[in-house]
Structures are given as structure tokens and as C-alpha cells.
Amino acid sequence: MDENKPPRMYFIGKKEDLVQAKRMNVTLDGRDILIIYHQRTFYALDLQCYRE
């Protein structure tokens, strides 16, 4: 990662909507990301399989 560039931030929805849905798939910069809300914590997982 380039240290001179600030990290990118994305708006994917309101917190209340994400909590209610519990999980959501989004596409950011061509990458599929799974957002999960579990036990009062948000997790973001890249859905790309690196073994392929």
C-alpha cells in the first residue's frame, strides 16, 4: 500500500440498515465484499478466492 495516499472511505449504508440486515454484499472498486454484523461488531471480508 502506498503510504503517501490516504485510505479510501466508502459509504455503503446507514448503520441501522446494516444491523437489521445482518449481512450485505457490496462491490467496491470491482471487488466483492461481504459486510457482516455479529455480536455488536462489523466485519468486512473479501469474497475473492485466492486459491483459484
C-alpha atoms as a PDB file:
ATOM      1  CA  MET A   1       0.000   0.000   0.000  1.00  0.00           C
ATOM      2  CA  ASP A   2       1.284   3.463  -0.867  1.00  0.00           C
ATOM      3  CA  GLU A   3       1.996   5.286   2.403  1.00  0.00           C
ATOM      4  CA  ASN A   4       1.528   8.699   0.777  1.00  0.00           C
ATOM      5  CA  LYS A   5      -2.102   8.059  -0.192  1.00  0.00           C
ATOM      6  CA  PRO A   6      -4.861   8.422   2.404  1.00  0.00           C
ATOM      7  CA  PRO A   7      -7.064   5.343   2.877  1.00  0.00           C
ATOM      8  CA  ARG A   8     -10.256   5.298   0.823  1.00  0.00           C
ATOM      9  CA  MET A   9     -13.571   5.529   2.604  1.00  0.00           C
ATOM     10  CA  TYR A  10     -16.889   4.328   1.186  1.00  0.00           C
ATOM     11  CA  PHE A  11     -20.472   4.873   2.247  1.00  0.00           C
ATOM     12  CA  ILE A  12     -22.351   1.579   1.927  1.00  0.00           C
ATOM     13  CA  GLY A  13     -25.433   2.339   4.004  1.00  0.00           C
ATOM     14  CA  LYS A  14     -26.774   3.513   7.308  1.00  0.00           C
ATOM     15  CA  LYS A  15     -25.676   1.629  10.402  1.00  0.00           C
ATOM     16  CA  GLU A  16     -29.280   0.807  11.330  1.00  0.00           C
ATOM     17  CA  ASP A  17     -29.880  -0.784   7.919  1.00  0.00           C
ATOM     18  CA  LEU A  18     -26.703  -2.875   8.159  1.00  0.00           C
ATOM     19  CA  VAL A  19     -27.546  -4.031  11.692  1.00  0.00           C
ATOM     20  CA  GLN A  20     -31.054  -5.044  10.609  1.00  0.00           C
ATOM     21  CA  ALA A  21     -29.815  -6.902   7.510  1.00  0.00           C
ATOM     22  CA  LYS A  22     -27.015  -8.675   9.492  1.00  0.00           C
ATOM     23  CA  ARG A  23     -25.111  -9.249   6.221  1.00  0.00           C
ATOM     24  CA  MET A  24     -24.744  -7.435   2.937  1.00  0.00           C
ATOM     25  CA  ASN A  25     -22.774  -7.973  -0.262  1.00  0.00           C
ATOM     26  CA  VAL A  26     -21.314  -4.859  -1.880  1.00  0.00           C
ATOM     27  CA  THR A  27     -18.967  -4.240  -4.797  1.00  0.00           C
ATOM     28  CA  LEU A  28     -16.199  -1.688  -4.209  1.00  0.00           C
ATOM     29  CA  ASP A  29     -13.713  -0.887  -6.968  1.00  0.00           C
ATOM     30  CA  GLY A  30     -14.666  -4.128  -8.731  1.00  0.00           C
ATOM     31  CA  ARG A  31     -14.161  -6.299  -5.609  1.00  0.00           C
ATOM     32  CA  ASP A  32     -16.997  -8.199  -3.934  1.00  0.00           C
ATOM     33  CA  ILE A  33     -17.049  -7.541  -0.195  1.00  0.00           C
ATOM     34  CA  LEU A  34     -19.249  -9.218   2.430  1.00  0.00           C
ATOM     35  CA  ILE A  35     -20.225  -6.986   5.372  1.00  0.00           C
ATOM     36  CA  ILE A  36     -21.371  -8.946   8.453  1.00  0.00           C
ATOM     37  CA  TYR A  37     -22.795  -7.646  11.723  1.00  0.00           C
ATOM     38  CA  HIS A  38     -22.300 -10.218  14.500  1.00  0.00           C
ATOM     39  CA  GLN A  39     -22.393  -9.723  18.276  1.00  0.00           C
ATOM     40  CA  ARG A  40     -22.345  -5.910  18.024  1.00  0.00           C
ATOM     41  CA  THR A  41     -19.281  -5.903  15.713  1.00  0.00           C
ATOM     42  CA  PHE A  42     -18.955  -5.259  11.974  1.00  0.00           C
ATOM     43  CA  TYR A  43     -16.694  -7.430   9.815  1.00  0.00           C
ATOM     44  CA  ALA A  44     -15.719  -6.959   6.158  1.00  0.00           C
ATOM     45  CA  LEU A  45     -14.500  -9.951   4.154  1.00  0.00           C
ATOM     46  CA  ASP A  46     -13.116 -10.028   0.633  1.00  0.00           C
ATOM     47  CA  LEU A  47     -15.078 -12.661  -1.324  1.00  0.00           C
ATOM     48  CA  GLN A  48     -12.286 -13.378  -3.788  1.00  0.00           C
ATOM     49  CA  CYS A  49     -10.906 -16.909  -3.538  1.00  0.00           C
ATOM     50  CA  TYR A  50      -7.132 -16.614  -3.653  1.00  0.00           C
ATOM     51  CA  ARG A  51      -6.600 -20.329  -4.344  1.00  0.00           C
ATOM     52  CA  GLU A  52      -8.083 -20.007  -7.838  1.00  0.00           C
END
